[in-house]
Amino acid sequence: MSASVPGDYVIRSIRADEWPAVKELRLRALRDPLAHLAFLKTYDDAVGRPDSYWQERTAKAAEGAVGAQQIVAEGPEGLWLGSLTVLVEEAGTTDWAGFPVERRQGHVVGVFVRREWRGSGLTKALFDAGLEWSWARGLERVRLIVHPDNGRAQAAYRKAGFAPSGRTVPLEGGEPGEVELEFAVER
């Protein structure tokens, strides 16, 4: 998938050989001041991973993969400005939190946009590409999980067409009773 978007960037799927760029952007994301609200992993978890980890991670979500797709906004001179990944969740399976998956759906993870590009429309362009990829694969809905205190992310997700579904999931590593919110968009 490759589509030109108005502005100084191109939205496209990553390629398997681009694992160094995947690693660099992920480590940058994990250093964001709100990373503790947005990501399950920490910078310390990720920085020491071997190259083989990043190569495998990239290959599983690269152009042509069927179970996941990482979409990137590539700016001038090849700089990656932001990214998100859509994971396919099959009906009849169990999701990462142990809940049954009722319909074939996408699960958006790893959303990150460099600070200087926030508010530019790039986040919505990434989501538009992620939804296009999802609908082309016959997914019935796309969801994401967001921390209740991450208002910046919630606002961006609403602009991209997502809305609270009313479902919550336990906050991984949180105190008993702490939850995150599911936002979703139906096809």
C-alpha atoms as a PDB file:
ATOM      1  CA  MET A   1       0.000   0.000   0.000  1.00  0.00           C
ATOM      2  CA  SER A   2       1.404   3.368  -0.934  1.00  0.00           C
ATOM      3  CA  ALA A   3      -0.631   6.511  -1.237  1.00  0.00           C
ATOM      4  CA  SER A   4       0.525  10.063  -1.596  1.00  0.00           C
ATOM      5  CA  VAL A   5      -1.023  12.367   0.917  1.00  0.00           C
ATOM      6  CA  PRO A   6      -1.169  16.142   0.759  1.00  0.00           C
ATOM      7  CA  GLY A   7       1.773  17.478   2.673  1.00  0.00           C
ATOM      8  CA  ASP A   8       5.387  16.540   2.877  1.00  0.00           C
ATOM      9  CA  TYR A   9       4.965  12.825   3.511  1.00  0.00           C
ATOM     10  CA  VAL A  10       3.852   9.547   1.971  1.00  0.00           C
ATOM     11  CA  ILE A  11       1.782   6.946   3.820  1.00  0.00           C
ATOM     12  CA  ARG A  12       2.772   3.349   3.074  1.00  0.00           C
ATOM     13  CA  SER A  13       3.291  -0.112   4.512  1.00  0.00           C
ATOM     14  CA  ILE A  14       6.743  -0.920   5.841  1.00  0.00           C
ATOM     15  CA  ARG A  15       9.089  -3.366   4.093  1.00  0.00           C
ATOM     16  CA  ALA A  16      10.787  -6.290   5.845  1.00  0.00           C
ATOM     17  CA  ASP A  17      14.277  -4.853   5.300  1.00  0.00           C
ATOM     18  CA  GLU A  18      13.382  -1.629   7.133  1.00  0.00           C
ATOM     19  CA  TRP A  19      13.836  -3.073  10.608  1.00  0.00           C
ATOM     20  CA  PRO A  20      16.451  -0.450  11.647  1.00  0.00           C
ATOM     21  CA  ALA A  21      13.887   2.309  11.031  1.00  0.00           C
ATOM     22  CA  VAL A  22      11.196   0.310  12.879  1.00  0.00           C
ATOM     23  CA  LYS A  23      13.566   0.007  15.832  1.00  0.00           C
ATOM     24  CA  GLU A  24      14.504   3.705  15.805  1.00  0.00           C
ATOM     25  CA  LEU A  25      10.912   4.927  15.697  1.00  0.00           C
ATOM     26  CA  ARG A  26       9.767   2.476  18.379  1.00  0.00           C
ATOM     27  CA  LEU A  27      12.573   3.499  20.735  1.00  0.00           C
ATOM     28  CA  ARG A  28      11.700   7.165  20.121  1.00  0.00           C
ATOM     29  CA  ALA A  29       8.034   6.397  20.901  1.00  0.00           C
ATOM     30  CA  LEU A  30       8.993   4.665  24.138  1.00  0.00           C
ATOM     31  CA  ARG A  31      10.813   7.839  25.248  1.00  0.00           C
ATOM     32  CA  ASP A  32       7.698  10.008  24.780  1.00  0.00           C
ATOM     33  CA  PRO A  33       6.543  11.627  28.043  1.00  0.00           C
ATOM     34  CA  LEU A  34       3.196   9.770  27.763  1.00  0.00           C
ATOM     35  CA  ALA A  35       4.721   6.400  26.826  1.00  0.00           C
ATOM     36  CA  HIS A  36       3.755   4.968  30.220  1.00  0.00           C
ATOM     37  CA  LEU A  37       0.097   5.575  29.311  1.00  0.00           C
ATOM     38  CA  ALA A  38       0.335   4.555  25.669  1.00  0.00           C
ATOM     39  CA  PHE A  39       2.535   1.455  25.490  1.00  0.00           C
ATOM     40  CA  LEU A  40       2.732  -1.824  27.382  1.00  0.00           C
ATOM     41  CA  LYS A  41       6.510  -2.049  26.961  1.00  0.00           C
ATOM     42  CA  THR A  42       9.151   0.332  28.238  1.00  0.00           C
ATOM     43  CA  TYR A  43      12.246   1.794  26.640  1.00  0.00           C
ATOM     44  CA  ASP A  44      14.382  -0.351  28.943  1.00  0.00           C
ATOM     45  CA  ASP A  45      12.528  -3.488  27.752  1.00  0.00           C
ATOM     46  CA  ALA A  46      13.123  -2.621  24.101  1.00  0.00           C
ATOM     47  CA  VAL A  47      16.566  -1.033  23.870  1.00  0.00           C
ATOM     48  CA  GLY A  48      18.469  -4.214  24.699  1.00  0.00           C
ATOM     49  CA  ARG A  49      16.626  -6.450  22.243  1.00  0.00           C
ATOM     50  CA  PRO A  50      18.851  -8.114  19.624  1.00  0.00           C
ATOM     51  CA  ASP A  51      18.615  -7.239  15.942  1.00  0.00           C
ATOM     52  CA  SER A  52      16.876 -10.595  15.330  1.00  0.00           C
ATOM     53  CA  TYR A  53      13.943  -9.403  17.473  1.00  0.00           C
ATOM     54  CA  TRP A  54      13.521  -6.249  15.356  1.00  0.00           C
ATOM     55  CA  GLN A  55      13.924  -8.196  12.100  1.00  0.00           C
ATOM     56  CA  GLU A  56      11.210 -10.685  13.101  1.00  0.00           C
ATOM     57  CA  ARG A  57       8.904  -7.959  14.408  1.00  0.00           C
ATOM     58  CA  THR A  58       9.262  -6.026  11.153  1.00  0.00           C
ATOM     59  CA  ALA A  59       8.766  -9.043   8.883  1.00  0.00           C
ATOM     60  CA  LYS A  60       5.526 -10.015  10.656  1.00  0.00           C
ATOM     61  CA  ALA A  61       3.957  -6.614   9.922  1.00  0.00           C
ATOM     62  CA  ALA A  62       5.579  -5.747   6.588  1.00  0.00           C
ATOM     63  CA  GLU A  63       3.991  -5.278   3.186  1.00  0.00           C
ATOM     64  CA  GLY A  64       2.369  -8.545   2.133  1.00  0.00           C
ATOM     65  CA  ALA A  65       1.913  -9.904   5.685  1.00  0.00           C
ATOM     66  CA  VAL A  66      -1.621 -11.106   6.394  1.00  0.00           C
ATOM     67  CA  GLY A  67      -1.836 -11.085  10.199  1.00  0.00           C
ATOM     68  CA  ALA A  68      -0.586  -7.561  10.763  1.00  0.00           C
ATOM     69  CA  GLN A  69       0.430  -4.427   8.915  1.00  0.00           C
ATOM     70  CA  GLN A  70       2.604  -1.572  10.101  1.00  0.00           C
ATOM     71  CA  ILE A  71       1.914   1.667   8.289  1.00  0.00           C
ATOM     72  CA  VAL A  72       4.374   4.528   8.288  1.00  0.00           C
ATOM     73  CA  ALA A  73       4.376   8.172   7.299  1.00  0.00           C
ATOM     74  CA  GLU A  74       7.652   8.794   5.480  1.00  0.00           C
ATOM     75  CA  GLY A  75       8.821  12.369   5.210  1.00  0.00           C
ATOM     76  CA  PRO A  76      11.472  14.140   3.216  1.00  0.00           C
ATOM     77  CA  GLU A  77      14.779  12.296   2.912  1.00  0.00           C
ATOM     78  CA  GLY A  78      13.195   9.088   4.241  1.00  0.00           C
ATOM     79  CA  LEU A  79      12.595  10.246   7.828  1.00  0.00           C
ATOM     80  CA  TRP A  80       9.776   8.297   9.470  1.00  0.00           C
ATOM     81  CA  LEU A  81       7.342  10.767  11.014  1.00  0.00           C
ATOM     82  CA  GLY A  82       4.837   8.383  12.554  1.00  0.00           C
ATOM     83  CA  SER A  83       3.451   4.903  12.475  1.00  0.00           C
ATOM     84  CA  LEU A  84       0.724   2.535  13.599  1.00  0.00           C
ATOM     85  CA  THR A  85       0.179  -1.206  13.344  1.00  0.00           C
ATOM     86  CA  VAL A  86      -3.052  -3.120  12.735  1.00  0.00           C
ATOM     87  CA  LEU A  87      -3.150  -6.664  14.155  1.00  0.00           C
ATOM     88  CA  VAL A  88      -5.788  -9.055  12.800  1.00  0.00           C
ATOM     89  CA  GLU A  89      -7.867 -10.768  15.490  1.00  0.00           C
ATOM     90  CA  GLU A  90      -9.812 -13.788  14.250  1.00  0.00           C
ATOM     91  CA  ALA A  91     -13.328 -14.594  15.476  1.00  0.00           C
ATOM     92  CA  GLY A  92     -13.330 -17.535  17.864  1.00  0.00           C
ATOM     93  CA  THR A  93      -9.891 -16.761  19.292  1.00  0.00           C
ATOM     94  CA  THR A  94      -8.890 -15.024  22.509  1.00  0.00           C
ATOM     95  CA  ASP A  95      -7.343 -11.563  22.512  1.00  0.00           C
ATOM     96  CA  TRP A  96      -4.209 -10.435  24.355  1.00  0.00           C
ATOM     97  CA  ALA A  97      -6.250  -9.706  27.511  1.00  0.00           C
ATOM     98  CA  GLY A  98      -7.885 -13.149  27.539  1.00  0.00           C
ATOM     99  CA  PHE A  99     -11.275 -12.039  26.218  1.00  0.00           C
ATOM    100  CA  PRO A 100     -13.048 -13.917  23.400  1.00  0.00           C
ATOM    101  CA  VAL A 101     -12.928 -12.299  19.960  1.00  0.00           C
ATOM    102  CA  GLU A 102     -16.483 -12.367  18.650  1.00  0.00           C
ATOM    103  CA  ARG A 103     -15.923 -10.981  15.133  1.00  0.00           C
ATOM    104  CA  ARG A 104     -12.996 -10.786  12.738  1.00  0.00           C
ATOM    105  CA  GLN A 105     -11.475  -7.434  13.625  1.00  0.00           C
ATOM    106  CA  GLY A 106      -8.404  -5.278  13.577  1.00  0.00           C
ATOM    107  CA  HIS A 107      -6.619  -4.078  16.692  1.00  0.00           C
ATOM    108  CA  VAL A 108      -4.573  -0.888  16.286  1.00  0.00           C
ATOM    109  CA  VAL A 109      -1.405  -0.755  18.391  1.00  0.00           C
ATOM    110  CA  GLY A 110       1.822   1.209  18.519  1.00  0.00           C
ATOM    111  CA  VAL A 111       0.396   4.558  17.442  1.00  0.00           C
ATOM    112  CA  PHE A 112       3.106   7.222  17.457  1.00  0.00           C
ATOM    113  CA  VAL A 113       3.695  10.529  15.672  1.00  0.00           C
ATOM    114  CA  ARG A 114       6.778  12.670  16.187  1.00  0.00           C
ATOM    115  CA  ARG A 115       5.986  15.689  18.334  1.00  0.00           C
ATOM    116  CA  GLU A 116       6.640  18.232  15.557  1.00  0.00           C
ATOM    117  CA  TRP A 117       4.046  16.511  13.314  1.00  0.00           C
ATOM    118  CA  ARG A 118       1.252  16.255  15.877  1.00  0.00           C
ATOM    119  CA  GLY A 119      -1.809  18.270  14.927  1.00  0.00           C
ATOM    120  CA  SER A 120      -0.838  18.265  11.240  1.00  0.00           C
ATOM    121  CA  GLY A 121      -3.413  15.698  10.083  1.00  0.00           C
ATOM    122  CA  LEU A 122      -0.760  12.993   9.830  1.00  0.00           C
ATOM    123  CA  THR A 123      -2.326  10.844  12.577  1.00  0.00           C
ATOM    124  CA  LYS A 124      -5.658  10.776  10.744  1.00  0.00           C
ATOM    125  CA  ALA A 125      -3.867   9.926   7.488  1.00  0.00           C
ATOM    126  CA  LEU A 126      -2.195   6.970   9.203  1.00  0.00           C
ATOM    127  CA  PHE A 127      -5.555   5.809  10.569  1.00  0.00           C
ATOM    128  CA  ASP A 128      -7.210   6.219   7.174  1.00  0.00           C
ATOM    129  CA  ALA A 129      -4.551   3.936   5.654  1.00  0.00           C
ATOM    130  CA  GLY A 130      -4.913   1.433   8.512  1.00  0.00           C
ATOM    131  CA  LEU A 131      -8.673   1.311   8.055  1.00  0.00           C
ATOM    132  CA  GLU A 132      -8.318   0.966   4.278  1.00  0.00           C
ATOM    133  CA  TRP A 133      -5.994  -2.025   4.817  1.00  0.00           C
ATOM    134  CA  SER A 134      -8.426  -3.517   7.358  1.00  0.00           C
ATOM    135  CA  TRP A 135     -11.538  -3.170   5.205  1.00  0.00           C
ATOM    136  CA  ALA A 136      -9.690  -4.629   2.175  1.00  0.00           C
ATOM    137  CA  ARG A 137      -9.079  -7.750   4.268  1.00  0.00           C
ATOM    138  CA  GLY A 138     -12.729  -8.120   5.227  1.00  0.00           C
ATOM    139  CA  LEU A 139     -12.391  -7.068   8.852  1.00  0.00           C
ATOM    140  CA  GLU A 140     -15.746  -6.142  10.399  1.00  0.00           C
ATOM    141  CA  ARG A 141     -14.505  -3.585  12.904  1.00  0.00           C
ATOM    142  CA  VAL A 142     -11.277  -2.034  14.102  1.00  0.00           C
ATOM    143  CA  ARG A 143     -10.545  -1.278  17.722  1.00  0.00           C
ATOM    144  CA  LEU A 144      -7.854   0.102  19.960  1.00  0.00           C
ATOM    145  CA  ILE A 145      -7.290   0.362  23.678  1.00  0.00           C
ATOM    146  CA  VAL A 146      -6.536   3.716  25.305  1.00  0.00           C
ATOM    147  CA  HIS A 147      -5.754   4.789  28.851  1.00  0.00           C
ATOM    148  CA  PRO A 148      -8.490   6.981  30.410  1.00  0.00           C
ATOM    149  CA  ASP A 149      -5.871   9.621  31.289  1.00  0.00           C
ATOM    150  CA  ASN A 150      -4.481   9.876  27.742  1.00  0.00           C
ATOM    151  CA  GLY A 151      -6.694  12.689  26.504  1.00  0.00           C
ATOM    152  CA  ARG A 152      -4.352  13.628  23.663  1.00  0.00           C
ATOM    153  CA  ALA A 153      -4.652  10.133  22.163  1.00  0.00           C
ATOM    154  CA  GLN A 154      -8.405   9.966  22.721  1.00  0.00           C
ATOM    155  CA  ALA A 155      -8.877  13.240  20.820  1.00  0.00           C
ATOM    156  CA  ALA A 156      -6.785  11.973  17.900  1.00  0.00           C
ATOM    157  CA  TYR A 157      -8.713   8.682  17.799  1.00  0.00           C
ATOM    158  CA  ARG A 158     -12.048  10.510  17.759  1.00  0.00           C
ATOM    159  CA  LYS A 159     -10.841  12.654  14.829  1.00  0.00           C
ATOM    160  CA  ALA A 160      -9.997   9.405  13.017  1.00  0.00           C
ATOM    161  CA  GLY A 161     -13.579   8.160  13.457  1.00  0.00           C
ATOM    162  CA  PHE A 162     -13.194   5.965  16.545  1.00  0.00           C
ATOM    163  CA  ALA A 163     -15.620   6.175  19.457  1.00  0.00           C
ATOM    164  CA  PRO A 164     -15.810   4.561  22.884  1.00  0.00           C
ATOM    165  CA  SER A 165     -17.454   1.134  22.597  1.00  0.00           C
ATOM    166  CA  GLY A 166     -18.414   0.990  26.261  1.00  0.00           C
ATOM    167  CA  ARG A 167     -16.074  -1.945  26.877  1.00  0.00           C
ATOM    168  CA  THR A 168     -13.129  -1.785  29.239  1.00  0.00           C
ATOM    169  CA  VAL A 169     -10.138  -4.051  29.754  1.00  0.00           C
ATOM    170  CA  PRO A 170      -8.004  -4.426  32.868  1.00  0.00           C
ATOM    171  CA  LEU A 171      -4.925  -2.217  32.841  1.00  0.00           C
ATOM    172  CA  GLU A 172      -1.985  -4.567  32.340  1.00  0.00           C
ATOM    173  CA  GLY A 173       0.313  -4.231  35.332  1.00  0.00           C
ATOM    174  CA  GLY A 174      -2.126  -1.853  37.009  1.00  0.00           C
ATOM    175  CA  GLU A 175      -3.879  -2.003  40.331  1.00  0.00           C
ATOM    176  CA  PRO A 176      -6.989  -4.189  40.653  1.00  0.00           C
ATOM    177  CA  GLY A 177      -9.941  -2.299  39.191  1.00  0.00           C
ATOM    178  CA  GLU A 178      -7.823  -0.075  36.934  1.00  0.00           C
ATOM    179  CA  VAL A 179      -9.068  -0.271  33.357  1.00  0.00           C
ATOM    180  CA  GLU A 180      -8.406   1.028  29.876  1.00  0.00           C
ATOM    181  CA  LEU A 181     -11.069   1.978  27.335  1.00  0.00           C
ATOM    182  CA  GLU A 182     -11.870   0.298  24.038  1.00  0.00           C
ATOM    183  CA  PHE A 183     -12.517   2.659  21.129  1.00  0.00           C
ATOM    184  CA  ALA A 184     -13.819   1.157  17.880  1.00  0.00           C
ATOM    185  CA  VAL A 185     -15.072   1.903  14.408  1.00  0.00           C
ATOM    186  CA  GLU A 186     -17.468  -0.384  12.545  1.00  0.00           C
ATOM    187  CA  ARG A 187     -17.234  -1.071   8.866  1.00  0.00           C
END
